Amino acid sequence: MSEKTRYSDEELQEFKELILEKLVKAQREYDTLKANITNAEGNDIADTSPTFKILEEGASTLSKEEAGQLAQRQMKFIQHLQNALIRIENKTYGVCCETGELIPKERLRAVPHATRSVEAKNSQKKR
């Protein structure tokens, strides 16, 4: 029996459902972070007394910077998930981009946007 070169359509469908769930969750978190940055809730220093205004401005700026960084990371994660969906449609999902071998299902369930096997990822870090 020859070695499997790609996941079956049923397996790809299972991964697609997993990725779509993660995508919805990630988009929701991104929207929350974006709202925090743009202050869509309306809770800002404008409604506090002048005594605390200076302290809160600093904390608010820091909080928005952190939220901005988190939002960038979240958007990158969303893009990786979207790319994984494209690989599913192309039926190349789960194939290591370095070795050409199948990435184990356990790894794909943990990191559904993975493009490398653990071994390939570790050898990449050593370079």
C-alpha atoms as a PDB file:
ATOM      1  CA  MET A   1       0.000   0.000   0.000  1.00  0.00           C
ATOM      2  CA  SER A   2       1.353   3.388  -0.942  1.00  0.00           C
ATOM      3  CA  GLU A   3       1.808   6.158   1.582  1.00  0.00           C
ATOM      4  CA  LYS A   4      -0.930   8.785   1.765  1.00  0.00           C
ATOM      5  CA  THR A   5       0.008  12.031   0.006  1.00  0.00           C
ATOM      6  CA  ARG A   6      -2.990  14.131   1.062  1.00  0.00           C
ATOM      7  CA  TYR A   7      -5.955  14.050   3.405  1.00  0.00           C
ATOM      8  CA  SER A   8      -9.272  12.702   2.119  1.00  0.00           C
ATOM      9  CA  ASP A   9     -12.162  15.027   1.301  1.00  0.00           C
ATOM     10  CA  GLU A  10     -13.913  13.900   4.515  1.00  0.00           C
ATOM     11  CA  GLU A  11     -10.838  14.706   6.585  1.00  0.00           C
ATOM     12  CA  LEU A  12     -10.475  18.062   4.840  1.00  0.00           C
ATOM     13  CA  GLN A  13     -14.125  18.819   5.619  1.00  0.00           C
ATOM     14  CA  GLU A  14     -13.465  18.067   9.310  1.00  0.00           C
ATOM     15  CA  PHE A  15     -10.523  20.497   9.302  1.00  0.00           C
ATOM     16  CA  LYS A  16     -12.577  23.088   7.412  1.00  0.00           C
ATOM     17  CA  GLU A  17     -15.263  23.011  10.103  1.00  0.00           C
ATOM     18  CA  LEU A  18     -12.620  23.360  12.825  1.00  0.00           C
ATOM     19  CA  ILE A  19     -11.009  26.306  11.034  1.00  0.00           C
ATOM     20  CA  LEU A  20     -14.347  28.030  10.402  1.00  0.00           C
ATOM     21  CA  GLU A  21     -15.155  27.785  14.127  1.00  0.00           C
ATOM     22  CA  LYS A  22     -11.773  29.275  15.022  1.00  0.00           C
ATOM     23  CA  LEU A  23     -12.218  31.961  12.373  1.00  0.00           C
ATOM     24  CA  VAL A  24     -15.550  33.101  13.828  1.00  0.00           C
ATOM     25  CA  LYS A  25     -14.039  33.233  17.314  1.00  0.00           C
ATOM     26  CA  ALA A  26     -10.929  35.058  16.101  1.00  0.00           C
ATOM     27  CA  GLN A  27     -12.995  37.606  14.179  1.00  0.00           C
ATOM     28  CA  ARG A  28     -15.116  38.256  17.270  1.00  0.00           C
ATOM     29  CA  GLU A  29     -11.983  38.827  19.380  1.00  0.00           C
ATOM     30  CA  TYR A  30     -10.534  41.097  16.691  1.00  0.00           C
ATOM     31  CA  ASP A  31     -13.718  43.161  16.608  1.00  0.00           C
ATOM     32  CA  THR A  32     -13.586  43.515  20.406  1.00  0.00           C
ATOM     33  CA  LEU A  33      -9.967  44.663  20.302  1.00  0.00           C
ATOM     34  CA  LYS A  34     -10.717  47.072  17.469  1.00  0.00           C
ATOM     35  CA  ALA A  35     -13.637  48.522  19.446  1.00  0.00           C
ATOM     36  CA  ASN A  36     -11.308  48.967  22.415  1.00  0.00           C
ATOM     37  CA  ILE A  37      -8.827  50.871  20.261  1.00  0.00           C
ATOM     38  CA  THR A  38     -11.394  53.119  18.614  1.00  0.00           C
ATOM     39  CA  ASN A  39     -13.258  53.515  21.891  1.00  0.00           C
ATOM     40  CA  ALA A  40     -16.560  52.444  20.385  1.00  0.00           C
ATOM     41  CA  GLU A  41     -18.000  51.820  23.850  1.00  0.00           C
ATOM     42  CA  GLY A  42     -17.636  55.461  24.777  1.00  0.00           C
ATOM     43  CA  ASN A  43     -15.892  54.861  28.109  1.00  0.00           C
ATOM     44  CA  ASP A  44     -12.897  57.141  27.988  1.00  0.00           C
ATOM     45  CA  ILE A  45     -11.308  59.822  30.127  1.00  0.00           C
ATOM     46  CA  ALA A  46     -13.844  62.393  28.959  1.00  0.00           C
ATOM     47  CA  ASP A  47     -16.291  61.320  31.669  1.00  0.00           C
ATOM     48  CA  THR A  48     -13.860  61.520  34.617  1.00  0.00           C
ATOM     49  CA  SER A  49     -12.874  64.400  36.834  1.00  0.00           C
ATOM     50  CA  PRO A  50      -9.812  66.483  35.826  1.00  0.00           C
ATOM     51  CA  THR A  51      -7.781  65.199  38.797  1.00  0.00           C
ATOM     52  CA  PHE A  52      -7.592  61.688  37.382  1.00  0.00           C
ATOM     53  CA  LYS A  53      -7.514  62.730  33.753  1.00  0.00           C
ATOM     54  CA  ILE A  54      -3.712  62.823  33.397  1.00  0.00           C
ATOM     55  CA  LEU A  55      -3.229  59.423  35.045  1.00  0.00           C
ATOM     56  CA  GLU A  56      -5.984  57.837  33.026  1.00  0.00           C
ATOM     57  CA  GLU A  57      -4.694  59.304  29.748  1.00  0.00           C
ATOM     58  CA  GLY A  58      -1.395  57.478  30.252  1.00  0.00           C
ATOM     59  CA  ALA A  59      -3.090  54.224  31.167  1.00  0.00           C
ATOM     60  CA  SER A  60      -5.538  54.621  28.304  1.00  0.00           C
ATOM     61  CA  THR A  61      -2.750  55.185  25.788  1.00  0.00           C
ATOM     62  CA  LEU A  62      -0.842  52.144  27.045  1.00  0.00           C
ATOM     63  CA  SER A  63      -3.994  50.039  26.970  1.00  0.00           C
ATOM     64  CA  LYS A  64      -4.741  51.130  23.404  1.00  0.00           C
ATOM     65  CA  GLU A  65      -1.168  50.351  22.325  1.00  0.00           C
ATOM     66  CA  GLU A  66      -1.420  46.866  23.820  1.00  0.00           C
ATOM     67  CA  ALA A  67      -4.829  46.366  22.228  1.00  0.00           C
ATOM     68  CA  GLY A  68      -3.367  47.533  18.916  1.00  0.00           C
ATOM     69  CA  GLN A  69      -0.586  44.969  19.095  1.00  0.00           C
ATOM     70  CA  LEU A  70      -3.039  42.245  20.050  1.00  0.00           C
ATOM     71  CA  ALA A  71      -5.331  43.284  17.204  1.00  0.00           C
ATOM     72  CA  GLN A  72      -2.422  43.039  14.738  1.00  0.00           C
ATOM     73  CA  ARG A  73      -1.581  39.547  15.981  1.00  0.00           C
ATOM     74  CA  GLN A  74      -5.232  38.555  15.791  1.00  0.00           C
ATOM     75  CA  MET A  75      -5.511  39.829  12.205  1.00  0.00           C
ATOM     76  CA  LYS A  76      -2.404  37.837  11.278  1.00  0.00           C
ATOM     77  CA  PHE A  77      -3.995  34.739  12.841  1.00  0.00           C
ATOM     78  CA  ILE A  78      -7.210  35.361  10.860  1.00  0.00           C
ATOM     79  CA  GLN A  79      -5.192  35.648   7.638  1.00  0.00           C
ATOM     80  CA  HIS A  80      -3.399  32.369   8.414  1.00  0.00           C
ATOM     81  CA  LEU A  81      -6.761  30.661   8.974  1.00  0.00           C
ATOM     82  CA  GLN A  82      -8.106  32.082   5.700  1.00  0.00           C
ATOM     83  CA  ASN A  83      -5.006  30.809   3.896  1.00  0.00           C
ATOM     84  CA  ALA A  84      -5.597  27.382   5.448  1.00  0.00           C
ATOM     85  CA  LEU A  85      -9.131  27.402   3.984  1.00  0.00           C
ATOM     86  CA  ILE A  86      -7.636  28.125   0.562  1.00  0.00           C
ATOM     87  CA  ARG A  87      -5.262  25.179   0.981  1.00  0.00           C
ATOM     88  CA  ILE A  88      -8.261  22.996   1.851  1.00  0.00           C
ATOM     89  CA  GLU A  89     -10.021  24.070  -1.365  1.00  0.00           C
ATOM     90  CA  ASN A  90      -6.807  23.338  -3.306  1.00  0.00           C
ATOM     91  CA  LYS A  91      -6.512  19.990  -1.466  1.00  0.00           C
ATOM     92  CA  THR A  92      -2.976  20.841  -0.352  1.00  0.00           C
ATOM     93  CA  TYR A  93      -3.948  21.362   3.295  1.00  0.00           C
ATOM     94  CA  GLY A  94      -1.934  19.366   5.804  1.00  0.00           C
ATOM     95  CA  VAL A  95       1.036  18.802   3.513  1.00  0.00           C
ATOM     96  CA  CYS A  96       4.340  20.066   4.954  1.00  0.00           C
ATOM     97  CA  CYS A  97       5.742  22.782   2.696  1.00  0.00           C
ATOM     98  CA  GLU A  98       9.298  21.577   3.350  1.00  0.00           C
ATOM     99  CA  THR A  99       9.112  17.783   3.386  1.00  0.00           C
ATOM    100  CA  GLY A 100       5.976  17.206   1.305  1.00  0.00           C
ATOM    101  CA  GLU A 101       4.772  14.708   3.902  1.00  0.00           C
ATOM    102  CA  LEU A 102       1.459  14.878   5.740  1.00  0.00           C
ATOM    103  CA  ILE A 103       1.427  16.909   8.931  1.00  0.00           C
ATOM    104  CA  PRO A 104      -0.025  14.730  11.728  1.00  0.00           C
ATOM    105  CA  LYS A 105      -3.703  15.336  12.488  1.00  0.00           C
ATOM    106  CA  GLU A 106      -2.900  16.053  16.142  1.00  0.00           C
ATOM    107  CA  ARG A 107      -0.721  18.990  15.133  1.00  0.00           C
ATOM    108  CA  LEU A 108      -3.346  20.308  12.716  1.00  0.00           C
ATOM    109  CA  ARG A 109      -6.028  20.104  15.388  1.00  0.00           C
ATOM    110  CA  ALA A 110      -3.808  22.088  17.761  1.00  0.00           C
ATOM    111  CA  VAL A 111      -2.503  24.514  15.112  1.00  0.00           C
ATOM    112  CA  PRO A 112      -4.948  24.337  12.200  1.00  0.00           C
ATOM    113  CA  HIS A 113      -3.017  26.860  10.115  1.00  0.00           C
ATOM    114  CA  ALA A 114       0.277  24.923  10.350  1.00  0.00           C
ATOM    115  CA  THR A 115       2.208  24.601   7.105  1.00  0.00           C
ATOM    116  CA  ARG A 116       5.136  22.622   8.523  1.00  0.00           C
ATOM    117  CA  SER A 117       5.494  19.437  10.508  1.00  0.00           C
ATOM    118  CA  VAL A 118       7.003  19.728  13.978  1.00  0.00           C
ATOM    119  CA  GLU A 119      10.316  18.361  12.669  1.00  0.00           C
ATOM    120  CA  ALA A 120      10.443  20.876   9.816  1.00  0.00           C
ATOM    121  CA  LYS A 121       9.506  23.705  12.175  1.00  0.00           C
ATOM    122  CA  ASN A 122      12.266  22.701  14.623  1.00  0.00           C
ATOM    123  CA  SER A 123      14.880  22.449  11.869  1.00  0.00           C
ATOM    124  CA  GLN A 124      13.787  25.902  10.629  1.00  0.00           C
ATOM    125  CA  LYS A 125      14.458  27.385  14.087  1.00  0.00           C
ATOM    126  CA  LYS A 126      18.000  25.966  14.127  1.00  0.00           C
ATOM    127  CA  ARG A 127      18.973  27.761  10.894  1.00  0.00           C
END
